[in-house]
C-alpha atoms as a PDB file:
ATOM      1  CA  MET A   1       0.000   0.000   0.000  1.00  0.00           C
ATOM      2  CA  SER A   2       1.344   3.419  -0.966  1.00  0.00           C
ATOM      3  CA  GLU A   3       1.950   6.140   1.606  1.00  0.00           C
ATOM      4  CA  LYS A   4      -0.936   8.131   0.166  1.00  0.00           C
ATOM      5  CA  ALA A   5      -3.275   5.150   0.424  1.00  0.00           C
ATOM      6  CA  LYS A   6      -2.206   4.530   4.036  1.00  0.00           C
ATOM      7  CA  LYS A   7      -2.887   8.156   4.886  1.00  0.00           C
ATOM      8  CA  GLN A   8      -6.336   7.972   3.315  1.00  0.00           C
ATOM      9  CA  ASP A   9      -7.049   4.731   5.180  1.00  0.00           C
ATOM     10  CA  ARG A  10      -6.065   6.310   8.488  1.00  0.00           C
ATOM     11  CA  ARG A  11      -8.232   9.320   7.687  1.00  0.00           C
ATOM     12  CA  THR A  12     -11.188   7.048   6.900  1.00  0.00           C
ATOM     13  CA  ARG A  13     -10.815   5.122  10.172  1.00  0.00           C
ATOM     14  CA  TYR A  14     -10.500   8.369  12.105  1.00  0.00           C
ATOM     15  CA  THR A  15     -13.591   9.914  10.512  1.00  0.00           C
ATOM     16  CA  ARG A  16     -15.716   6.809  11.038  1.00  0.00           C
ATOM     17  CA  GLN A  17     -14.597   6.571  14.661  1.00  0.00           C
ATOM     18  CA  THR A  18     -15.371  10.244  15.217  1.00  0.00           C
ATOM     19  CA  ILE A  19     -18.887   9.736  13.862  1.00  0.00           C
ATOM     20  CA  LYS A  20     -19.429   6.702  16.108  1.00  0.00           C
ATOM     21  CA  ASP A  21     -18.059   8.451  19.189  1.00  0.00           C
ATOM     22  CA  THR A  22     -20.249  11.474  18.529  1.00  0.00           C
ATOM     23  CA  PHE A  23     -23.320   9.270  18.145  1.00  0.00           C
ATOM     24  CA  LEU A  24     -22.607   7.529  21.462  1.00  0.00           C
ATOM     25  CA  GLU A  25     -22.156  10.836  23.246  1.00  0.00           C
ATOM     26  CA  LEU A  26     -25.471  12.109  21.907  1.00  0.00           C
ATOM     27  CA  LEU A  27     -27.146   8.882  22.987  1.00  0.00           C
ATOM     28  CA  LYS A  28     -26.250   9.709  26.591  1.00  0.00           C
ATOM     29  CA  GLN A  29     -28.274  12.895  26.264  1.00  0.00           C
ATOM     30  CA  LYS A  30     -31.308  11.834  24.225  1.00  0.00           C
ATOM     31  CA  SER A  31     -33.100   8.831  22.770  1.00  0.00           C
ATOM     32  CA  PHE A  32     -32.036   7.201  19.513  1.00  0.00           C
ATOM     33  CA  THR A  33     -35.153   8.371  17.675  1.00  0.00           C
ATOM     34  CA  LYS A  34     -34.292  12.023  18.388  1.00  0.00           C
ATOM     35  CA  ILE A  35     -30.714  11.929  17.079  1.00  0.00           C
ATOM     36  CA  THR A  36     -30.284  13.349  13.589  1.00  0.00           C
ATOM     37  CA  VAL A  37     -27.542  13.254  10.984  1.00  0.00           C
ATOM     38  CA  THR A  38     -27.400  17.044  11.116  1.00  0.00           C
ATOM     39  CA  GLU A  39     -26.728  16.940  14.849  1.00  0.00           C
ATOM     40  CA  ILE A  40     -24.006  14.322  14.473  1.00  0.00           C
ATOM     41  CA  CYS A  41     -22.311  16.378  11.769  1.00  0.00           C
ATOM     42  CA  LYS A  42     -22.462  19.546  13.855  1.00  0.00           C
ATOM     43  CA  ASN A  43     -20.973  17.922  16.958  1.00  0.00           C
ATOM     44  CA  ALA A  44     -18.372  15.975  14.958  1.00  0.00           C
ATOM     45  CA  GLU A  45     -17.489  19.107  12.983  1.00  0.00           C
ATOM     46  CA  ILE A  46     -17.959  17.459   9.599  1.00  0.00           C
ATOM     47  CA  ASN A  47     -20.321  18.197   6.718  1.00  0.00           C
ATOM     48  CA  ARG A  48     -23.205  15.993   5.645  1.00  0.00           C
ATOM     49  CA  GLY A  49     -21.347  14.932   2.522  1.00  0.00           C
ATOM     50  CA  THR A  50     -18.573  13.483   4.676  1.00  0.00           C
ATOM     51  CA  PHE A  51     -21.109  11.601   6.788  1.00  0.00           C
ATOM     52  CA  TYR A  52     -22.803  10.037   3.764  1.00  0.00           C
ATOM     53  CA  LEU A  53     -19.434   9.171   2.280  1.00  0.00           C
ATOM     54  CA  HIS A  54     -18.965   6.759   5.181  1.00  0.00           C
ATOM     55  CA  TYR A  55     -22.499   5.793   6.278  1.00  0.00           C
ATOM     56  CA  TYR A  56     -25.855   5.340   4.593  1.00  0.00           C
ATOM     57  CA  ASP A  57     -27.825   6.564   7.639  1.00  0.00           C
ATOM     58  CA  ILE A  58     -27.811   6.523  11.449  1.00  0.00           C
ATOM     59  CA  HIS A  59     -28.847   2.864  11.506  1.00  0.00           C
ATOM     60  CA  ASP A  60     -25.723   2.115   9.502  1.00  0.00           C
ATOM     61  CA  VAL A  61     -23.644   3.840  12.200  1.00  0.00           C
ATOM     62  CA  LEU A  62     -25.388   1.715  14.810  1.00  0.00           C
ATOM     63  CA  THR A  63     -24.607  -1.470  12.886  1.00  0.00           C
ATOM     64  CA  ASP A  64     -20.936  -0.519  12.728  1.00  0.00           C
ATOM     65  CA  ILE A  65     -20.902   0.014  16.498  1.00  0.00           C
ATOM     66  CA  PHE A  66     -22.544  -3.377  17.031  1.00  0.00           C
ATOM     67  CA  ASP A  67     -19.848  -4.999  14.899  1.00  0.00           C
ATOM     68  CA  ASP A  68     -17.140  -3.319  16.972  1.00  0.00           C
ATOM     69  CA  MET A  69     -18.706  -4.607  20.171  1.00  0.00           C
ATOM     70  CA  THR A  70     -19.244  -8.209  19.141  1.00  0.00           C
ATOM     71  CA  GLN A  71     -16.115  -9.126  17.224  1.00  0.00           C
ATOM     72  CA  ASP A  72     -14.164 -10.668  20.132  1.00  0.00           C
ATOM     73  CA  MET A  73     -16.883 -11.921  22.457  1.00  0.00           C
ATOM     74  CA  LEU A  74     -17.667 -15.326  23.912  1.00  0.00           C
ATOM     75  CA  THR A  75     -20.663 -17.569  23.587  1.00  0.00           C
ATOM     76  CA  THR A  76     -22.420 -18.566  26.798  1.00  0.00           C
ATOM     77  CA  VAL A  77     -20.981 -22.077  26.632  1.00  0.00           C
ATOM     78  CA  ASP A  78     -17.446 -20.756  26.208  1.00  0.00           C
ATOM     79  CA  HIS A  79     -17.813 -18.387  29.141  1.00  0.00           C
ATOM     80  CA  LEU A  80     -19.363 -20.886  31.553  1.00  0.00           C
ATOM     81  CA  PHE A  81     -17.492 -24.085  30.699  1.00  0.00           C
ATOM     82  CA  CYS A  82     -14.118 -23.115  29.246  1.00  0.00           C
ATOM     83  CA  PRO A  83     -11.608 -24.968  31.475  1.00  0.00           C
ATOM     84  CA  ASN A  84      -9.023 -22.185  31.258  1.00  0.00           C
ATOM     85  CA  LYS A  85     -10.771 -18.837  31.500  1.00  0.00           C
ATOM     86  CA  LYS A  86      -7.526 -16.929  30.934  1.00  0.00           C
ATOM     87  CA  SER A  87      -7.241 -18.394  27.429  1.00  0.00           C
ATOM     88  CA  CYS A  88     -10.766 -17.332  26.490  1.00  0.00           C
ATOM     89  CA  SER A  89     -11.859 -13.927  25.283  1.00  0.00           C
ATOM     90  CA  TYR A  90     -13.278 -11.909  28.152  1.00  0.00           C
ATOM     91  CA  PRO A  91     -17.084 -12.010  28.463  1.00  0.00           C
ATOM     92  CA  PHE A  92     -19.371  -9.359  27.081  1.00  0.00           C
ATOM     93  CA  CYS A  93     -20.311  -7.858  30.455  1.00  0.00           C
ATOM     94  CA  GLN A  94     -16.638  -7.221  31.156  1.00  0.00           C
ATOM     95  CA  LYS A  95     -16.334  -5.340  27.881  1.00  0.00           C
ATOM     96  CA  ILE A  96     -19.188  -3.082  28.922  1.00  0.00           C
ATOM     97  CA  GLN A  97     -17.480  -2.423  32.259  1.00  0.00           C
ATOM     98  CA  MET A  98     -14.202  -1.596  30.566  1.00  0.00           C
ATOM     99  CA  GLU A  99     -15.744   0.444  27.743  1.00  0.00           C
ATOM    100  CA  SER A 100     -18.476   2.464  29.385  1.00  0.00           C
ATOM    101  CA  GLN A 101     -19.301   4.419  26.220  1.00  0.00           C
ATOM    102  CA  TYR A 102     -21.436   1.455  25.113  1.00  0.00           C
ATOM    103  CA  ARG A 103     -23.701   1.467  28.150  1.00  0.00           C
ATOM    104  CA  ALA A 104     -26.172   3.980  26.733  1.00  0.00           C
ATOM    105  CA  LEU A 105     -27.041   1.461  24.014  1.00  0.00           C
ATOM    106  CA  PHE A 106     -28.622  -0.861  26.571  1.00  0.00           C
ATOM    107  CA  LEU A 107     -30.701   1.850  28.194  1.00  0.00           C
ATOM    108  CA  ASP A 108     -32.326   3.042  24.994  1.00  0.00           C
ATOM    109  CA  ASP A 109     -35.732   1.444  24.440  1.00  0.00           C
ATOM    110  CA  THR A 110     -35.338   1.446  20.653  1.00  0.00           C
ATOM    111  CA  ILE A 111     -31.761   0.183  20.468  1.00  0.00           C
ATOM    112  CA  ALA A 112     -31.879  -2.492  23.202  1.00  0.00           C
ATOM    113  CA  PRO A 113     -34.127  -4.947  21.297  1.00  0.00           C
ATOM    114  CA  ILE A 114     -32.147  -4.352  18.095  1.00  0.00           C
ATOM    115  CA  LEU A 115     -28.960  -5.131  19.980  1.00  0.00           C
ATOM    116  CA  LEU A 116     -30.549  -8.267  21.409  1.00  0.00           C
ATOM    117  CA  GLU A 117     -31.430  -9.478  17.920  1.00  0.00           C
ATOM    118  CA  LYS A 118     -27.910  -8.703  16.711  1.00  0.00           C
ATOM    119  CA  ILE A 119     -26.442 -10.802  19.498  1.00  0.00           C
ATOM    120  CA  ALA A 120     -28.950 -13.567  18.781  1.00  0.00           C
ATOM    121  CA  GLU A 121     -28.058 -13.451  15.097  1.00  0.00           C
ATOM    122  CA  ASN A 122     -24.396 -14.046  15.927  1.00  0.00           C
ATOM    123  CA  THR A 123     -24.804 -16.619  18.694  1.00  0.00           C
ATOM    124  CA  LYS A 124     -28.075 -18.569  18.427  1.00  0.00           C
ATOM    125  CA  GLU A 125     -26.964 -21.160  15.890  1.00  0.00           C
ATOM    126  CA  GLY A 126     -23.870 -22.192  17.833  1.00  0.00           C
ATOM    127  CA  TYR A 127     -25.674 -22.172  21.175  1.00  0.00           C
ATOM    128  CA  VAL A 128     -28.720 -24.156  20.029  1.00  0.00           C
ATOM    129  CA  THR A 129     -26.623 -26.630  18.025  1.00  0.00           C
ATOM    130  CA  TRP A 130     -24.329 -27.295  20.981  1.00  0.00           C
ATOM    131  CA  LEU A 131     -27.196 -27.675  23.456  1.00  0.00           C
ATOM    132  CA  MET A 132     -29.098 -30.074  21.202  1.00  0.00           C
ATOM    133  CA  SER A 133     -25.996 -32.193  20.582  1.00  0.00           C
ATOM    134  CA  HIS A 134     -25.300 -32.505  24.320  1.00  0.00           C
ATOM    135  CA  SER A 135     -28.873 -33.043  25.516  1.00  0.00           C
ATOM    136  CA  LEU A 136     -32.215 -34.513  24.497  1.00  0.00           C
ATOM    137  CA  LEU A 137     -33.803 -31.119  23.917  1.00  0.00           C
ATOM    138  CA  THR A 138     -35.595 -30.419  20.658  1.00  0.00           C
ATOM    139  CA  PHE A 139     -34.740 -27.408  18.520  1.00  0.00           C
ATOM    140  CA  GLU A 140     -37.765 -25.484  19.823  1.00  0.00           C
ATOM    141  CA  GLN A 141     -36.827 -26.240  23.442  1.00  0.00           C
ATOM    142  CA  ALA A 142     -33.178 -25.281  22.998  1.00  0.00           C
ATOM    143  CA  GLU A 143     -34.152 -22.099  21.152  1.00  0.00           C
ATOM    144  CA  SER A 144     -36.583 -21.207  23.955  1.00  0.00           C
ATOM    145  CA  VAL A 145     -33.828 -21.627  26.559  1.00  0.00           C
ATOM    146  CA  PHE A 146     -31.604 -19.365  24.478  1.00  0.00           C
ATOM    147  CA  TYR A 147     -34.140 -16.536  24.178  1.00  0.00           C
ATOM    148  CA  PHE A 148     -35.242 -16.864  27.804  1.00  0.00           C
ATOM    149  CA  GLN A 149     -31.645 -16.430  28.873  1.00  0.00           C
ATOM    150  CA  MET A 150     -30.945 -13.565  26.476  1.00  0.00           C
ATOM    151  CA  ASN A 151     -33.995 -11.529  27.459  1.00  0.00           C
ATOM    152  CA  GLY A 152     -33.501 -12.182  31.157  1.00  0.00           C
ATOM    153  CA  CYS A 153     -29.893 -11.048  31.040  1.00  0.00           C
ATOM    154  CA  LEU A 154     -30.813  -7.930  29.086  1.00  0.00           C
ATOM    155  CA  SER A 155     -33.382  -6.989  31.739  1.00  0.00           C
ATOM    156  CA  ILE A 156     -30.936  -7.582  34.590  1.00  0.00           C
ATOM    157  CA  ASN A 157     -28.212  -5.500  33.028  1.00  0.00           C
ATOM    158  CA  ARG A 158     -30.545  -2.627  32.126  1.00  0.00           C
ATOM    159  CA  LEU A 159     -31.797  -2.607  35.709  1.00  0.00           C
ATOM    160  CA  MET A 160     -28.268  -2.532  37.079  1.00  0.00           C
ATOM    161  CA  LEU A 161     -27.202   0.246  34.732  1.00  0.00           C
ATOM    162  CA  ARG A 162     -30.207   2.370  35.631  1.00  0.00           C
ATOM    163  CA  ASN A 163     -29.548   1.820  39.355  1.00  0.00           C
ATOM    164  CA  HIS A 164     -25.800   2.461  38.947  1.00  0.00           C
ATOM    165  CA  CYS A 165     -24.925  -0.841  40.629  1.00  0.00           C
ATOM    166  CA  ASN A 166     -21.201  -1.381  41.164  1.00  0.00           C
ATOM    167  CA  ASP A 167     -21.127  -5.004  42.367  1.00  0.00           C
ATOM    168  CA  TRP A 168     -21.622  -6.643  38.960  1.00  0.00           C
ATOM    169  CA  LYS A 169     -18.909  -9.258  39.521  1.00  0.00           C
ATOM    170  CA  GLN A 170     -20.769 -10.758  42.478  1.00  0.00           C
ATOM    171  CA  ILE A 171     -24.089 -10.711  40.657  1.00  0.00           C
ATOM    172  CA  GLN A 172     -22.493 -12.183  37.548  1.00  0.00           C
ATOM    173  CA  THR A 173     -21.098 -15.040  39.629  1.00  0.00           C
ATOM    174  CA  VAL A 174     -24.562 -15.818  40.999  1.00  0.00           C
ATOM    175  CA  ILE A 175     -26.156 -15.678  37.543  1.00  0.00           C
ATOM    176  CA  ASP A 176     -23.383 -17.801  36.014  1.00  0.00           C
ATOM    177  CA  LYS A 177     -23.894 -20.496  38.658  1.00  0.00           C
ATOM    178  CA  PHE A 178     -27.653 -20.426  38.119  1.00  0.00           C
ATOM    179  CA  ILE A 179     -27.358 -20.736  34.329  1.00  0.00           C
ATOM    180  CA  LYS A 180     -24.631 -23.373  34.487  1.00  0.00           C
ATOM    181  CA  ALA A 181     -26.632 -25.506  36.922  1.00  0.00           C
ATOM    182  CA  GLY A 182     -29.660 -25.229  34.675  1.00  0.00           C
ATOM    183  CA  LEU A 183     -27.718 -26.213  31.565  1.00  0.00           C
ATOM    184  CA  GLU A 184     -26.019 -29.122  33.319  1.00  0.00           C
ATOM    185  CA  SER A 185     -29.404 -30.565  34.314  1.00  0.00           C
ATOM    186  CA  PHE A 186     -30.082 -31.173  30.612  1.00  0.00           C
ATOM    187  CA  LEU A 187     -26.670 -32.466  29.576  1.00  0.00           C
ATOM    188  CA  ILE A 188     -26.069 -36.102  28.670  1.00  0.00           C
ATOM    189  CA  HIS A 189     -23.382 -37.323  31.042  1.00  0.00           C
ATOM    190  CA  ASP A 190     -21.571 -39.959  29.054  1.00  0.00           C
ATOM    191  CA  GLN A 191     -17.976 -40.319  27.889  1.00  0.00           C
ATOM    192  CA  ARG A 192     -18.554 -37.708  25.244  1.00  0.00           C
ATOM    193  CA  GLU A 193     -19.689 -35.266  27.916  1.00  0.00           C
ATOM    194  CA  GLU A 194     -16.682 -35.977  30.149  1.00  0.00           C
ATOM    195  CA  ASN A 195     -14.395 -34.889  27.354  1.00  0.00           C
ATOM    196  CA  ALA A 196     -16.571 -32.027  26.157  1.00  0.00           C
ATOM    197  CA  SER A 197     -15.300 -29.396  28.563  1.00  0.00           C
ATOM    198  CA  ASP A 198     -11.870 -29.565  26.951  1.00  0.00           C
ATOM    199  CA  ASN A 199     -13.369 -28.802  23.561  1.00  0.00           C
ATOM    200  CA  PHE A 200     -15.961 -26.122  24.309  1.00  0.00           C
ATOM    201  CA  CYS A 201     -13.773 -23.192  23.400  1.00  0.00           C
ATOM    202  CA  SER A 202     -12.528 -24.748  20.177  1.00  0.00           C
ATOM    203  CA  LYS A 203     -15.866 -26.109  18.924  1.00  0.00           C
ATOM    204  CA  ILE A 204     -17.869 -22.929  19.188  1.00  0.00           C
ATOM    205  CA  SER A 205     -16.488 -19.884  17.415  1.00  0.00           C
ATOM    206  CA  PRO A 206     -16.107 -16.760  19.575  1.00  0.00           C
ATOM    207  CA  THR A 207     -19.068 -14.459  19.068  1.00  0.00           C
ATOM    208  CA  VAL A 208     -20.939 -12.851  21.900  1.00  0.00           C
ATOM    209  CA  THR A 209     -21.619 -14.057  25.381  1.00  0.00           C
ATOM    210  CA  ALA A 210     -25.273 -14.364  26.252  1.00  0.00           C
ATOM    211  CA  SER A 211     -24.961 -15.302  29.903  1.00  0.00           C
ATOM    212  CA  SER A 212     -23.200 -12.177  30.990  1.00  0.00           C
ATOM    213  CA  THR A 213     -24.888 -10.569  28.152  1.00  0.00           C
ATOM    214  CA  LEU A 214     -25.057  -6.965  28.678  1.00  0.00           C
ATOM    215  CA  ARG A 215     -23.201  -5.096  31.333  1.00  0.00           C
END
């Protein structure tokens, strides 16, 4: 890549990041439905032409932010059963703790369900497939467990964010134990299952954790 191309690439990344950061800052002040392209451009100090050079609309910005958030996350099975937690990507809730700029996404009534569907889109197939292959649950039953868990964790994390709770690690531990015990009650405990814990992290590609889903 030429020096000119590298400079343009850096400029593109910088501009896109500025737009995303500006959007997230505005989201702390108002709901998603009230944020406009004009307002983003004004706060980011760019013109509308620059915005549309990089994004189709505000939903496109939101999609890019979702992709940033979910690219290195765990599945529930990885997070709960990986024998060596240090070798696994850190869970999604930890990312939210470390990168607080994302928290406003979970408090917005319009964005939260969209985010939930995005996470489901990335994780449901692996979760349901794994659960069905290690239990006697049907597809409908495994899918129901998945969505029950996802929606429950979203509600818990939104509640904690609204109440400014600071003891998430303790609550996460309780929730993890509850979910793990529930999953284990369905698992088939044969030789395959005894060896499964060593293969959880390698069998299911890293996407997004659902157990610690959203804090």
